[in-house]
N, C-alpha and C. Protein backbone atom coordinates (compact mmCIF):
# COMPACT_ATOMS: atom_id res chain seq x y z
N MET A 1 12.06 -7.67 0.62
CA MET A 1 12.68 -6.83 -0.66
C MET A 1 12.05 -5.77 -0.77
N SER A 2 12.86 -4.48 -0.54
CA SER A 2 11.88 -3.36 -1.08
C SER A 2 11.50 -2.70 -2.27
N ARG A 3 10.48 -2.50 -2.35
CA ARG A 3 9.92 -2.46 -3.94
C ARG A 3 9.69 -0.91 -3.91
N ALA A 4 9.59 -0.03 -3.00
CA ALA A 4 9.66 1.49 -2.91
C ALA A 4 10.58 2.27 -2.31
N PRO A 5 10.65 3.46 -2.99
CA PRO A 5 11.67 4.13 -2.55
C PRO A 5 11.38 4.89 -1.07
N TYR A 6 10.63 4.51 -0.31
CA TYR A 6 9.77 4.88 0.69
C TYR A 6 10.09 4.13 2.22
N PRO A 7 10.38 4.98 2.90
CA PRO A 7 10.92 4.08 4.08
C PRO A 7 9.62 3.05 4.65
N THR A 8 10.16 1.90 4.90
CA THR A 8 9.38 0.66 5.69
C THR A 8 8.89 0.63 6.86
N THR A 9 8.34 0.20 7.51
CA THR A 9 7.93 0.09 8.96
C THR A 9 8.92 -0.80 9.51
N PRO A 10 9.38 -0.97 10.55
CA PRO A 10 10.40 -2.43 11.12
C PRO A 10 10.09 -3.81 10.77
N ASP A 11 8.40 -3.69 11.02
CA ASP A 11 7.52 -4.96 10.99
C ASP A 11 7.43 -5.10 9.27
N GLY A 12 7.56 -4.32 8.48
CA GLY A 12 7.02 -4.49 7.07
C GLY A 12 5.98 -4.24 6.40
N ARG A 13 4.98 -3.71 7.41
CA ARG A 13 3.44 -3.69 7.38
C ARG A 13 3.11 -2.50 6.57
N TYR A 14 3.81 -1.46 6.76
CA TYR A 14 3.42 -0.07 5.93
C TYR A 14 4.97 0.33 5.57
N PHE A 15 4.49 1.43 4.35
CA PHE A 15 5.69 2.44 3.79
C PHE A 15 4.87 3.73 4.25
N LEU A 16 6.12 4.67 4.39
CA LEU A 16 5.59 6.05 4.91
C LEU A 16 5.89 7.12 3.61
N VAL A 17 4.71 7.83 3.19
CA VAL A 17 4.66 8.77 2.34
C VAL A 17 4.11 9.99 2.92
N SER A 18 4.88 11.05 2.91
CA SER A 18 4.48 12.44 3.30
C SER A 18 3.88 12.16 5.26
N GLY A 19 4.32 11.49 5.76
CA GLY A 19 3.84 11.08 7.30
C GLY A 19 2.85 10.14 7.19
N ARG A 20 2.01 9.93 6.24
CA ARG A 20 1.15 8.91 6.40
C ARG A 20 1.51 7.40 6.15
N LEU A 21 1.03 6.51 6.79
CA LEU A 21 1.30 5.07 6.65
C LEU A 21 0.31 4.66 5.32
N TRP A 22 1.17 3.59 4.61
CA TRP A 22 0.34 2.84 3.54
C TRP A 22 0.51 1.29 3.61
N ARG A 23 -0.26 0.63 3.54
CA ARG A 23 -0.28 -0.82 3.73
C ARG A 23 0.63 -1.47 2.69
N SER A 24 1.66 -2.19 2.96
CA SER A 24 2.43 -2.79 2.05
C SER A 24 1.70 -4.28 1.47
N SER A 25 2.23 -4.40 0.15
CA SER A 25 1.58 -5.85 -0.29
C SER A 25 1.99 -6.99 0.48
N ASP A 26 1.30 -8.05 0.59
CA ASP A 26 1.46 -9.24 1.39
C ASP A 26 2.69 -9.71 0.94
N PRO A 27 3.89 -9.92 2.27
CA PRO A 27 5.09 -10.74 1.48
C PRO A 27 4.91 -11.97 1.40
N SER A 28 4.03 -12.85 1.51
CA SER A 28 3.62 -14.11 1.28
C SER A 28 3.45 -14.59 -0.11
N ILE A 29 2.62 -13.21 -0.95
CA ILE A 29 2.47 -13.71 -2.38
C ILE A 29 3.62 -13.98 -3.06
N PRO A 30 3.71 -15.13 -3.81
CA PRO A 30 4.60 -15.61 -4.65
C PRO A 30 4.91 -14.46 -5.70
N GLU A 31 6.32 -14.49 -6.12
CA GLU A 31 6.60 -13.23 -6.75
C GLU A 31 5.79 -13.11 -8.25
N ASP A 32 5.64 -14.17 -8.90
CA ASP A 32 4.94 -14.34 -10.37
C ASP A 32 3.73 -13.86 -9.97
N ARG A 33 2.88 -14.28 -9.10
CA ARG A 33 1.42 -13.82 -8.88
C ARG A 33 1.71 -12.36 -8.59
N ARG A 34 2.47 -12.00 -7.48
CA ARG A 34 2.54 -10.82 -7.30
C ARG A 34 2.64 -9.55 -8.45
N GLN A 35 3.43 -10.10 -8.98
CA GLN A 35 4.04 -9.45 -10.74
C GLN A 35 2.42 -9.39 -11.39
N ARG A 36 1.91 -10.26 -11.31
CA ARG A 36 0.36 -10.49 -12.02
C ARG A 36 -0.24 -9.21 -11.90
N LEU A 37 -0.49 -9.34 -10.34
CA LEU A 37 -1.49 -8.48 -9.67
C LEU A 37 -0.96 -7.24 -9.87
N VAL A 38 0.45 -6.58 -9.96
CA VAL A 38 0.96 -5.24 -10.11
C VAL A 38 0.51 -4.80 -11.20
N THR A 39 0.60 -5.57 -12.43
CA THR A 39 0.17 -5.56 -13.75
C THR A 39 -1.52 -5.40 -14.12
N GLU A 40 -2.02 -5.94 -13.34
CA GLU A 40 -3.33 -5.90 -13.46
C GLU A 40 -3.58 -4.46 -12.90
N LEU A 41 -3.00 -4.29 -11.38
CA LEU A 41 -3.12 -2.90 -10.68
C LEU A 41 -3.00 -1.74 -11.96
N MET A 42 -1.88 -1.65 -12.19
CA MET A 42 -1.45 -0.23 -13.48
C MET A 42 -2.51 -0.77 -14.37
N ASP A 43 -2.84 -1.64 -15.11
CA ASP A 43 -3.83 -1.40 -15.90
C ASP A 43 -5.44 -0.88 -15.16
N ALA A 44 -5.53 -1.05 -14.49
CA ALA A 44 -6.90 -0.61 -13.84
C ALA A 44 -6.54 0.80 -13.70
N ARG A 45 -5.63 0.97 -13.06
CA ARG A 45 -5.38 2.82 -12.87
C ARG A 45 -5.32 3.48 -14.25
N ARG A 46 -4.75 2.74 -15.13
CA ARG A 46 -4.87 3.37 -16.36
C ARG A 46 -6.31 3.63 -17.07
N ALA A 47 -6.95 2.59 -16.70
CA ALA A 47 -8.69 2.66 -17.09
C ALA A 47 -9.28 3.46 -16.37
N VAL A 48 -8.87 3.80 -15.23
CA VAL A 48 -9.23 4.83 -14.39
C VAL A 48 -9.17 6.52 -14.89
N LYS A 49 -7.82 6.62 -15.22
CA LYS A 49 -7.68 7.74 -16.07
C LYS A 49 -8.26 8.24 -17.08
N GLU A 50 -8.43 6.91 -18.06
CA GLU A 50 -9.15 7.18 -19.41
C GLU A 50 -10.54 7.30 -19.00
N ALA A 51 -11.12 6.68 -17.92
CA ALA A 51 -12.55 6.94 -17.84
C ALA A 51 -12.68 8.22 -17.44
N LYS A 52 -11.97 8.85 -16.56
CA LYS A 52 -12.03 10.38 -16.22
C LYS A 52 -11.95 11.44 -17.41
N ARG A 53 -11.68 10.95 -18.34
CA ARG A 53 -11.59 11.46 -19.64
C ARG A 53 -12.61 11.17 -20.48
N GLY A 54 -13.64 10.38 -20.48
CA GLY A 54 -14.89 9.93 -21.02
C GLY A 54 -14.70 8.95 -21.65
N ARG A 55 -13.64 8.20 -21.65
CA ARG A 55 -13.46 7.07 -22.43
C ARG A 55 -13.51 5.95 -21.70
N GLY A 56 -14.49 5.51 -20.76
CA GLY A 56 -14.55 4.14 -19.88
C GLY A 56 -15.43 4.48 -18.88
N GLU A 57 -15.95 3.65 -18.22
CA GLU A 57 -16.83 3.50 -17.02
C GLU A 57 -16.29 3.60 -15.86
N LEU A 58 -15.85 4.51 -15.11
CA LEU A 58 -15.33 5.11 -14.24
C LEU A 58 -15.59 4.20 -12.68
N ALA A 59 -16.67 3.83 -12.72
CA ALA A 59 -17.06 2.95 -11.45
C ALA A 59 -16.48 1.55 -11.41
N ALA A 60 -16.41 0.84 -12.87
CA ALA A 60 -15.93 -0.51 -13.14
C ALA A 60 -14.16 -0.28 -13.18
N ALA A 61 -13.84 0.80 -13.56
CA ALA A 61 -12.39 0.94 -13.43
C ALA A 61 -11.98 1.25 -11.92
N ARG A 62 -12.43 1.77 -11.00
CA ARG A 62 -12.19 1.95 -9.72
C ARG A 62 -12.39 0.64 -9.14
N GLU A 63 -13.27 -0.30 -9.31
CA GLU A 63 -13.49 -1.54 -8.77
C GLU A 63 -12.35 -2.60 -9.13
N ARG A 64 -11.64 -2.33 -10.40
CA ARG A 64 -10.67 -3.34 -10.58
C ARG A 64 -9.24 -2.78 -9.83
N VAL A 65 -9.27 -1.31 -9.51
CA VAL A 65 -8.03 -1.15 -8.85
C VAL A 65 -8.53 -1.70 -7.26
N ASN A 66 -9.63 -1.44 -6.83
CA ASN A 66 -9.67 -2.02 -5.58
C ASN A 66 -9.74 -3.49 -5.37
N ALA A 67 -10.03 -4.00 -6.46
CA ALA A 67 -9.69 -5.75 -6.17
C ALA A 67 -8.47 -6.14 -6.44
N ALA A 68 -7.88 -5.50 -7.21
CA ALA A 68 -6.14 -5.67 -7.42
C ALA A 68 -5.14 -5.35 -5.98
N LYS A 69 -5.75 -4.47 -5.23
CA LYS A 69 -5.29 -3.74 -4.14
C LYS A 69 -5.88 -4.64 -3.20
N ILE A 70 -7.18 -5.31 -3.07
CA ILE A 70 -7.39 -6.26 -2.03
C ILE A 70 -6.58 -7.55 -2.27
N ALA A 71 -6.45 -7.74 -3.18
CA ALA A 71 -5.61 -9.40 -4.01
C ALA A 71 -4.00 -9.34 -3.41
N LEU A 72 -3.55 -7.88 -3.36
CA LEU A 72 -2.42 -7.82 -3.13
C LEU A 72 -2.18 -7.66 -1.80
N GLY A 73 -3.16 -7.53 -0.71
CA GLY A 73 -3.26 -7.34 0.69
C GLY A 73 -2.77 -5.80 0.99
N GLU A 74 -3.21 -4.98 0.22
CA GLU A 74 -2.94 -3.77 0.47
C GLU A 74 -4.71 -3.14 0.95
N ARG A 75 -5.35 -3.65 0.93
CA ARG A 75 -6.64 -3.59 1.23
C ARG A 75 -7.18 -4.68 1.84
N GLY A 76 -8.56 -4.37 2.37
CA GLY A 76 -9.37 -5.44 2.97
C GLY A 76 -8.40 -6.23 4.16
N PRO A 77 -8.85 -7.45 4.37
CA PRO A 77 -8.36 -8.11 5.65
C PRO A 77 -6.82 -7.97 5.89
N VAL A 78 -6.43 -7.56 6.90
CA VAL A 78 -4.65 -7.73 6.90
C VAL A 78 -3.99 -9.02 6.67
N TRP A 79 -2.97 -8.72 6.16
CA TRP A 79 -2.37 -10.12 5.89
C TRP A 79 -1.44 -10.84 7.11
N TRP A 80 -1.42 -10.09 8.14
CA TRP A 80 -0.50 -10.28 9.40
C TRP A 80 -1.92 -11.07 10.19
N SER A 81 -0.94 -12.16 11.14
CA SER A 81 -2.04 -12.90 11.96
C SER A 81 -1.58 -12.46 13.55
N ASP A 82 -1.26 -11.50 13.85
CA ASP A 82 -0.77 -11.59 15.19
C ASP A 82 -2.05 -10.49 15.95
N GLY A 83 -2.88 -10.14 15.11
CA GLY A 83 -4.06 -9.41 15.70
C GLY A 83 -4.10 -7.81 15.93
N ALA A 84 -2.89 -7.38 15.58
CA ALA A 84 -2.66 -5.77 15.56
C ALA A 84 -3.38 -5.17 14.73
N PRO A 85 -4.08 -3.78 15.21
CA PRO A 85 -4.88 -3.36 13.96
C PRO A 85 -4.02 -2.84 13.09
N ASP A 86 -5.14 -2.28 12.12
CA ASP A 86 -4.60 -2.25 10.79
C ASP A 86 -4.54 -0.50 10.57
N PHE A 87 -3.30 0.08 10.45
CA PHE A 87 -3.25 1.79 10.38
C PHE A 87 -3.04 2.22 9.12
N ASN A 88 -3.77 1.50 8.10
CA ASN A 88 -3.42 2.26 6.82
C ASN A 88 -4.24 3.25 6.59
N ARG A 89 -3.28 4.37 5.92
CA ARG A 89 -3.91 5.41 5.59
C ARG A 89 -3.83 6.47 6.99
N HIS A 90 -3.35 6.33 8.09
CA HIS A 90 -3.42 6.96 8.86
C HIS A 90 -1.96 7.72 8.82
N MET A 91 -1.87 8.85 9.84
CA MET A 91 -0.68 9.70 9.82
C MET A 91 -0.14 8.93 10.77
N ALA A 92 1.35 8.82 10.67
CA ALA A 92 2.17 7.99 11.37
C ALA A 92 2.16 8.41 12.91
N LYS A 93 2.05 9.84 13.04
CA LYS A 93 2.09 10.65 14.31
C LYS A 93 0.98 10.31 15.54
N ASN A 94 0.05 9.64 14.44
CA ASN A 94 -1.02 8.97 15.31
C ASN A 94 -1.49 7.75 15.98
N THR A 95 -0.06 6.93 15.65
CA THR A 95 -0.08 5.59 15.94
C THR A 95 1.02 5.07 16.72
N PRO A 96 1.15 3.79 16.40
CA PRO A 96 2.37 3.45 17.76
C PRO A 96 3.55 3.29 16.40
N TYR A 97 3.76 3.76 15.54
CA TYR A 97 4.87 4.06 14.77
C TYR A 97 5.22 5.32 14.86
N ALA A 98 4.57 6.15 15.59
CA ALA A 98 5.12 7.60 15.79
C ALA A 98 6.43 7.86 16.48
N ALA A 99 7.15 7.28 17.07
CA ALA A 99 8.62 7.34 17.38
C ALA A 99 9.50 6.95 16.24
N TRP A 100 9.02 5.91 15.64
CA TRP A 100 9.85 5.59 14.30
C TRP A 100 9.59 6.73 13.03
N ALA A 101 8.51 7.22 12.98
CA ALA A 101 8.67 8.24 11.88
C ALA A 101 9.07 9.76 12.76
N ALA A 102 9.24 9.61 13.46
CA ALA A 102 10.22 11.17 14.26
C ALA A 102 11.12 10.74 14.10
N ALA A 103 11.63 9.57 14.03
CA ALA A 103 13.40 9.34 14.20
C ALA A 103 13.62 9.58 12.59
N LEU A 104 13.17 8.99 11.54
CA LEU A 104 13.28 9.62 10.27
C LEU A 104 13.68 10.85 10.12
N GLU A 105 12.47 11.63 10.26
CA GLU A 105 12.18 12.84 10.05
C GLU A 105 13.75 13.75 10.50
N SER A 106 13.94 13.24 11.66
CA SER A 106 15.31 13.82 12.51
C SER A 106 16.54 13.28 12.03
N GLY A 107 16.42 12.20 11.27
CA GLY A 107 17.75 11.77 10.55
C GLY A 107 18.00 10.24 11.16
N GLY A 108 17.73 10.16 12.31
CA GLY A 108 17.66 8.81 13.22
C GLY A 108 17.69 7.71 12.57
N GLY A 109 16.98 7.23 11.56
CA GLY A 109 16.46 6.25 11.19
C GLY A 109 16.51 5.90 9.82
N ASP A 110 16.69 4.86 8.93
CA ASP A 110 16.84 4.68 7.82
C ASP A 110 16.02 3.68 7.20
N GLY A 111 14.80 3.73 8.05
CA GLY A 111 13.65 2.73 7.53
C GLY A 111 14.09 1.34 7.17
């Protein structure tokens, strides 16, 4: 199930934003747990915003964001088990997903 309006790689591991790959959440996480983690992530992001305004501890807020992203599978160890490398935050054109991304740009793919 797509949760973002961004194209997702055929293997479901990444979504594409402005030519960059971002690791998707682990699809094996049960929906109720995923929703709790997403809520925590959003709360943590708000805490970062407040800390940047001088109303909180920035390092602690950033650690909460990181912990939520790790729990979702978006950071930390990869959630797939086939030994494929992680291309999180890489420009798609510099990865094995280059042809897929180029096809999207030329209108030849739908994600």
